[in-house]
């Protein structure tokens, strides 16, 4: 089951990123996190920016509304998206 919390200004959830994949894709769940495959390599923040861009598109928000609150140097990350409620996030993730 996905770890997702609703805050007063948005939602917080966990993701597991697989860099250098053949295409950007939401794969499903990895434990309590969303598993996301990204084409970007994990160097100089490229995968982090690709993750923010991918999630912004998925949730139909501006990239500036998506931030990585922890895990910026690893595969497991905590993401905060402002301006989105839990219902919209779950629908976008197919849950």
Protein backbone atom coordinates (compact mmCIF):
# COMPACT_ATOMS: atom_id res chain seq x y z
CA UNK A 1 0.00 0.00 0.00
CA UNK A 2 1.33 3.41 -1.00
CA UNK A 3 2.60 5.73 1.74
CA UNK A 4 0.79 8.99 1.03
CA UNK A 5 -0.09 11.78 3.45
CA UNK A 6 -2.29 14.77 2.84
CA UNK A 7 -0.90 18.07 4.11
CA UNK A 8 -2.78 21.37 4.23
CA UNK A 9 -1.03 22.58 1.07
CA UNK A 10 -0.62 19.29 -0.84
CA UNK A 11 0.48 15.66 -0.54
CA UNK A 12 3.65 13.81 0.46
CA UNK A 13 4.49 10.34 -0.85
CA UNK A 14 7.40 7.99 -1.46
CA UNK A 15 8.90 6.97 -4.80
CA UNK A 16 11.54 4.49 -5.89
CA UNK A 17 13.36 5.61 -9.03
CA UNK A 18 15.02 3.34 -11.58
CA UNK A 19 17.29 5.52 -13.73
CA UNK A 20 18.54 4.72 -17.25
CA UNK A 21 15.36 2.89 -18.25
CA UNK A 22 14.20 2.63 -21.86
CA UNK A 23 11.26 4.99 -21.24
CA UNK A 24 9.71 7.18 -18.53
CA UNK A 25 6.96 5.13 -16.94
CA UNK A 26 5.03 4.62 -13.70
CA UNK A 27 5.48 0.90 -13.08
CA UNK A 28 3.41 0.35 -9.93
CA UNK A 29 4.33 -0.11 -6.30
CA UNK A 30 7.63 -1.10 -4.70
CA UNK A 31 6.75 -1.76 -1.07
CA UNK A 32 5.06 1.45 0.13
CA UNK A 33 6.51 3.59 -2.69
CA UNK A 34 5.59 4.32 -6.31
CA UNK A 35 8.11 2.76 -8.68
CA UNK A 36 9.08 5.05 -11.53
CA UNK A 37 11.38 4.22 -14.44
CA UNK A 38 13.23 7.19 -15.92
CA UNK A 39 15.46 7.48 -18.97
CA UNK A 40 17.75 10.02 -17.26
CA UNK A 41 21.05 8.89 -15.73
CA UNK A 42 21.63 9.37 -11.99
CA UNK A 43 24.32 12.03 -12.45
CA UNK A 44 24.35 15.74 -11.58
CA UNK A 45 20.69 15.71 -10.55
CA UNK A 46 19.41 14.67 -13.99
CA UNK A 47 17.27 11.82 -12.63
CA UNK A 48 15.87 14.10 -9.90
CA UNK A 49 14.81 16.72 -12.46
CA UNK A 50 13.36 14.01 -14.71
CA UNK A 51 11.43 12.66 -11.70
CA UNK A 52 10.01 16.11 -10.89
CA UNK A 53 9.06 16.70 -14.52
CA UNK A 54 7.45 13.26 -14.87
CA UNK A 55 5.40 13.62 -11.68
CA UNK A 56 4.34 17.17 -12.58
CA UNK A 57 3.01 15.89 -15.91
CA UNK A 58 1.27 12.95 -14.27
CA UNK A 59 -0.45 15.21 -11.72
CA UNK A 60 -1.07 18.11 -14.16
CA UNK A 61 0.80 20.67 -12.05
CA UNK A 62 3.79 22.93 -12.66
CA UNK A 63 7.22 21.39 -12.04
CA UNK A 64 7.82 24.08 -9.40
CA UNK A 65 5.04 22.49 -7.31
CA UNK A 66 6.96 19.19 -7.10
CA UNK A 67 9.86 19.00 -4.66
CA UNK A 68 12.10 16.21 -3.38
CA UNK A 69 12.07 16.55 0.41
CA UNK A 70 14.46 13.67 1.11
CA UNK A 71 16.52 11.10 -0.74
CA UNK A 72 17.90 13.33 -3.47
CA UNK A 73 21.08 11.23 -3.74
CA UNK A 74 19.44 7.79 -3.63
CA UNK A 75 16.77 5.78 -5.40
CA UNK A 76 14.26 6.09 -2.55
CA UNK A 77 12.81 9.59 -2.34
CA UNK A 78 10.09 11.46 -0.51
CA UNK A 79 8.17 13.84 -2.75
CA UNK A 80 5.94 16.78 -1.84
CA UNK A 81 3.45 18.16 -4.36
CA UNK A 82 1.59 21.36 -3.51
CA UNK A 83 -1.86 22.17 -4.85
CA UNK A 84 -2.95 18.53 -5.08
CA UNK A 85 -5.22 16.57 -2.74
CA UNK A 86 -4.96 12.88 -1.94
CA UNK A 87 -7.91 11.94 -4.14
CA UNK A 88 -6.39 13.58 -7.24
CA UNK A 89 -2.98 12.01 -6.54
CA UNK A 90 -4.39 8.49 -6.11
CA UNK A 91 -6.44 8.87 -9.30
CA UNK A 92 -3.36 10.03 -11.24
CA UNK A 93 -1.38 7.06 -9.90
CA UNK A 94 -4.13 4.60 -10.79
CA UNK A 95 -4.83 3.62 -7.18
